[in-house]
C-alpha atoms as a PDB file:
ATOM      1  CA  MET A   1       0.000   0.000   0.000  1.00  0.00           C
ATOM      2  CA  ALA A   2       1.498   3.472   0.662  1.00  0.00           C
ATOM      3  CA  THR A   3       5.094   2.211   0.489  1.00  0.00           C
ATOM      4  CA  HIS A   4       6.540   5.362  -1.069  1.00  0.00           C
ATOM      5  CA  ARG A   5       5.332   7.368   1.935  1.00  0.00           C
ATOM      6  CA  LYS A   6       6.917   5.107   4.534  1.00  0.00           C
ATOM      7  CA  ILE A   7      10.258   6.076   6.017  1.00  0.00           C
ATOM      8  CA  SER A   8      13.006   3.677   7.050  1.00  0.00           C
ATOM      9  CA  ALA A   9      13.206   4.950  10.653  1.00  0.00           C
ATOM     10  CA  VAL A  10       9.617   3.815  11.224  1.00  0.00           C
ATOM     11  CA  ASP A  11      10.232   0.538   9.344  1.00  0.00           C
ATOM     12  CA  HIS A  12      13.115  -0.206  11.746  1.00  0.00           C
ATOM     13  CA  PHE A  13      11.090   0.852  14.799  1.00  0.00           C
ATOM     14  CA  ILE A  14       8.260  -1.528  13.877  1.00  0.00           C
ATOM     15  CA  ALA A  15      10.641  -4.368  12.931  1.00  0.00           C
ATOM     16  CA  GLU A  16      12.057  -4.341  16.480  1.00  0.00           C
ATOM     17  CA  LEU A  17       8.662  -4.647  18.203  1.00  0.00           C
ATOM     18  CA  PRO A  18       7.457  -7.857  19.862  1.00  0.00           C
ATOM     19  CA  ALA A  19       4.993  -9.826  17.696  1.00  0.00           C
ATOM     20  CA  ALA A  20       1.884  -8.861  19.705  1.00  0.00           C
ATOM     21  CA  THR A  21       2.398  -5.119  19.419  1.00  0.00           C
ATOM     22  CA  LYS A  22       4.002  -5.242  15.965  1.00  0.00           C
ATOM     23  CA  GLU A  23       0.788  -6.535  14.366  1.00  0.00           C
ATOM     24  CA  ILE A  24      -1.239  -3.691  15.900  1.00  0.00           C
ATOM     25  CA  ALA A  25       1.339  -1.030  14.959  1.00  0.00           C
ATOM     26  CA  VAL A  26       1.454  -2.259  11.343  1.00  0.00           C
ATOM     27  CA  SER A  27      -2.356  -2.169  11.107  1.00  0.00           C
ATOM     28  CA  LEU A  28      -2.555   1.326  12.557  1.00  0.00           C
ATOM     29  CA  ARG A  29       0.156   2.565  10.211  1.00  0.00           C
ATOM     30  CA  GLU A  30      -1.773   1.247   7.198  1.00  0.00           C
ATOM     31  CA  LEU A  31      -5.000   2.822   8.469  1.00  0.00           C
ATOM     32  CA  ILE A  32      -3.243   6.158   8.880  1.00  0.00           C
ATOM     33  CA  PHE A  33      -1.989   6.074   5.292  1.00  0.00           C
ATOM     34  CA  GLU A  34      -5.410   4.968   4.001  1.00  0.00           C
ATOM     35  CA  SER A  35      -7.022   7.912   5.813  1.00  0.00           C
ATOM     36  CA  SER A  36      -5.336  10.591   3.731  1.00  0.00           C
ATOM     37  CA  PRO A  37      -2.783  10.983   0.937  1.00  0.00           C
ATOM     38  CA  GLU A  38      -1.664  14.228   2.641  1.00  0.00           C
ATOM     39  CA  LEU A  39      -0.150  12.681   5.758  1.00  0.00           C
ATOM     40  CA  ILE A  40       3.622  12.766   6.090  1.00  0.00           C
ATOM     41  CA  GLU A  41       5.357  10.118   8.189  1.00  0.00           C
ATOM     42  CA  GLU A  42       8.138  11.246  10.541  1.00  0.00           C
ATOM     43  CA  PHE A  43      10.023   9.671  13.425  1.00  0.00           C
ATOM     44  CA  LYS A  44       9.941  12.159  16.329  1.00  0.00           C
ATOM     45  CA  TRP A  45      10.114  11.723  20.079  1.00  0.00           C
ATOM     46  CA  SER A  46      11.117   8.054  19.601  1.00  0.00           C
ATOM     47  CA  MET A  47       7.868   7.136  17.834  1.00  0.00           C
ATOM     48  CA  PRO A  48       6.113   7.395  14.455  1.00  0.00           C
ATOM     49  CA  ASN A  49       4.317  10.730  13.968  1.00  0.00           C
ATOM     50  CA  TYR A  50       2.071  11.846  11.144  1.00  0.00           C
ATOM     51  CA  SER A  51       1.503  15.423  10.060  1.00  0.00           C
ATOM     52  CA  SER A  52      -0.374  17.514   7.538  1.00  0.00           C
ATOM     53  CA  ASN A  53      -0.032  21.289   7.995  1.00  0.00           C
ATOM     54  CA  GLY A  54       0.909  20.468  11.593  1.00  0.00           C
ATOM     55  CA  LEU A  55       0.944  17.445  13.881  1.00  0.00           C
ATOM     56  CA  VAL A  56      -1.997  15.071  13.483  1.00  0.00           C
ATOM     57  CA  CYS A  57      -1.390  11.716  15.195  1.00  0.00           C
ATOM     58  CA  PHE A  58       1.244   9.290  16.478  1.00  0.00           C
ATOM     59  CA  ILE A  59       1.747   5.624  17.291  1.00  0.00           C
ATOM     60  CA  GLN A  60       3.034   4.933  20.794  1.00  0.00           C
ATOM     61  CA  VAL A  61       3.941   1.404  21.850  1.00  0.00           C
ATOM     62  CA  ALA A  62       3.855   0.059  25.409  1.00  0.00           C
ATOM     63  CA  LYS A  63       4.460  -3.494  26.648  1.00  0.00           C
ATOM     64  CA  ALA A  64       0.850  -4.654  26.548  1.00  0.00           C
ATOM     65  CA  HIS A  65      -0.811  -2.212  24.137  1.00  0.00           C
ATOM     66  CA  VAL A  66      -0.379   0.281  21.321  1.00  0.00           C
ATOM     67  CA  SER A  67      -1.881   3.761  21.425  1.00  0.00           C
ATOM     68  CA  LEU A  68      -2.929   5.858  18.484  1.00  0.00           C
ATOM     69  CA  GLY A  69      -2.536   9.359  19.833  1.00  0.00           C
ATOM     70  CA  PHE A  70      -3.991  12.596  18.557  1.00  0.00           C
ATOM     71  CA  HIS A  71      -2.080  15.816  19.213  1.00  0.00           C
ATOM     72  CA  ARG A  72      -5.319  17.853  19.201  1.00  0.00           C
ATOM     73  CA  GLY A  73      -7.488  15.028  20.506  1.00  0.00           C
ATOM     74  CA  SER A  74      -9.478  17.132  22.956  1.00  0.00           C
ATOM     75  CA  GLU A  75     -10.902  18.961  19.933  1.00  0.00           C
ATOM     76  CA  LEU A  76     -12.049  15.633  18.453  1.00  0.00           C
ATOM     77  CA  GLU A  77     -14.184  14.493  21.389  1.00  0.00           C
ATOM     78  CA  ALA A  78     -17.369  16.007  19.919  1.00  0.00           C
ATOM     79  CA  VAL A  79     -17.022  13.913  16.725  1.00  0.00           C
ATOM     80  CA  ASP A  80     -15.921  10.663  18.437  1.00  0.00           C
ATOM     81  CA  GLN A  81     -19.188   8.762  17.903  1.00  0.00           C
ATOM     82  CA  ALA A  82     -17.590   5.416  18.793  1.00  0.00           C
ATOM     83  CA  HIS A  83     -16.245   6.861  22.098  1.00  0.00           C
ATOM     84  CA  LEU A  84     -12.736   5.581  21.396  1.00  0.00           C
ATOM     85  CA  LEU A  85     -10.728   8.531  22.715  1.00  0.00           C
ATOM     86  CA  GLN A  86      -9.193   8.346  26.172  1.00  0.00           C
ATOM     87  CA  GLY A  87      -6.987  10.619  28.238  1.00  0.00           C
ATOM     88  CA  GLU A  88      -7.105  13.691  30.409  1.00  0.00           C
ATOM     89  CA  ALA A  89      -4.247  15.760  28.997  1.00  0.00           C
ATOM     90  CA  LYS A  90      -4.892  19.368  28.061  1.00  0.00           C
ATOM     91  CA  THR A  91      -4.912  18.710  24.305  1.00  0.00           C
ATOM     92  CA  MET A  92      -3.863  15.101  23.545  1.00  0.00           C
ATOM     93  CA  ARG A  93      -6.132  12.051  23.497  1.00  0.00           C
ATOM     94  CA  HIS A  94      -5.414   8.462  22.508  1.00  0.00           C
ATOM     95  CA  ILE A  95      -7.055   5.191  21.524  1.00  0.00           C
ATOM     96  CA  ARG A  96      -5.564   2.250  23.446  1.00  0.00           C
ATOM     97  CA  ILE A  97      -5.504  -1.056  21.577  1.00  0.00           C
ATOM     98  CA  LYS A  98      -4.573  -4.308  23.320  1.00  0.00           C
ATOM     99  CA  LYS A  99      -5.697  -6.747  20.616  1.00  0.00           C
ATOM    100  CA  LEU A 100      -5.830  -6.467  16.832  1.00  0.00           C
ATOM    101  CA  GLU A 101      -9.590  -7.184  16.894  1.00  0.00           C
ATOM    102  CA  GLU A 102     -10.189  -3.978  18.895  1.00  0.00           C
ATOM    103  CA  ILE A 103      -9.251  -1.793  15.919  1.00  0.00           C
ATOM    104  CA  GLN A 104     -12.328  -0.082  14.444  1.00  0.00           C
ATOM    105  CA  PRO A 105     -11.077   0.968  10.981  1.00  0.00           C
ATOM    106  CA  GLN A 106     -13.938   3.257   9.929  1.00  0.00           C
ATOM    107  CA  ALA A 107     -14.140   5.088  13.255  1.00  0.00           C
ATOM    108  CA  ILE A 108     -10.358   5.515  13.394  1.00  0.00           C
ATOM    109  CA  LYS A 109     -10.109   6.768   9.799  1.00  0.00           C
ATOM    110  CA  TYR A 110     -12.881   9.263  10.504  1.00  0.00           C
ATOM    111  CA  LEU A 111     -11.042  10.606  13.578  1.00  0.00           C
ATOM    112  CA  ILE A 112      -7.781  10.903  11.619  1.00  0.00           C
ATOM    113  CA  GLN A 113      -9.568  12.816   8.846  1.00  0.00           C
ATOM    114  CA  GLN A 114     -11.181  15.114  11.404  1.00  0.00           C
ATOM    115  CA  ALA A 115      -7.771  15.651  13.043  1.00  0.00           C
ATOM    116  CA  ILE A 116      -6.312  16.644   9.663  1.00  0.00           C
ATOM    117  CA  SER A 117      -9.133  19.126   9.111  1.00  0.00           C
ATOM    118  CA  LEU A 118      -8.237  20.864  12.401  1.00  0.00           C
ATOM    119  CA  ASN A 119      -4.936  21.920  10.765  1.00  0.00           C
ATOM    120  CA  GLN A 120      -6.503  23.438   7.631  1.00  0.00           C
END
């Protein structure tokens, strides 16, 4: 899929992950690219970040889960019909995924697209 948009730093980051979290990170990365042709992949703050006219989202990996974070997530709460967003930070929110089956592609793509529109 969006191979030309992938950068080697993120390829290496994902390659080093344990199998359980690697599968989730790969799926989220694909969903991010499917959400918009505008998103640019970067490796910042030791994790994959995606931007379009500003920061949009990031993939953060922990031992037992992977989070898809939104830099302006607090502004997305009103459009989060699936109630996926978590967190209490001033601006950031995240979706915590422990199993591949928990990923809701349509709801996640919608949130990513809404996050992009915040930067327009």
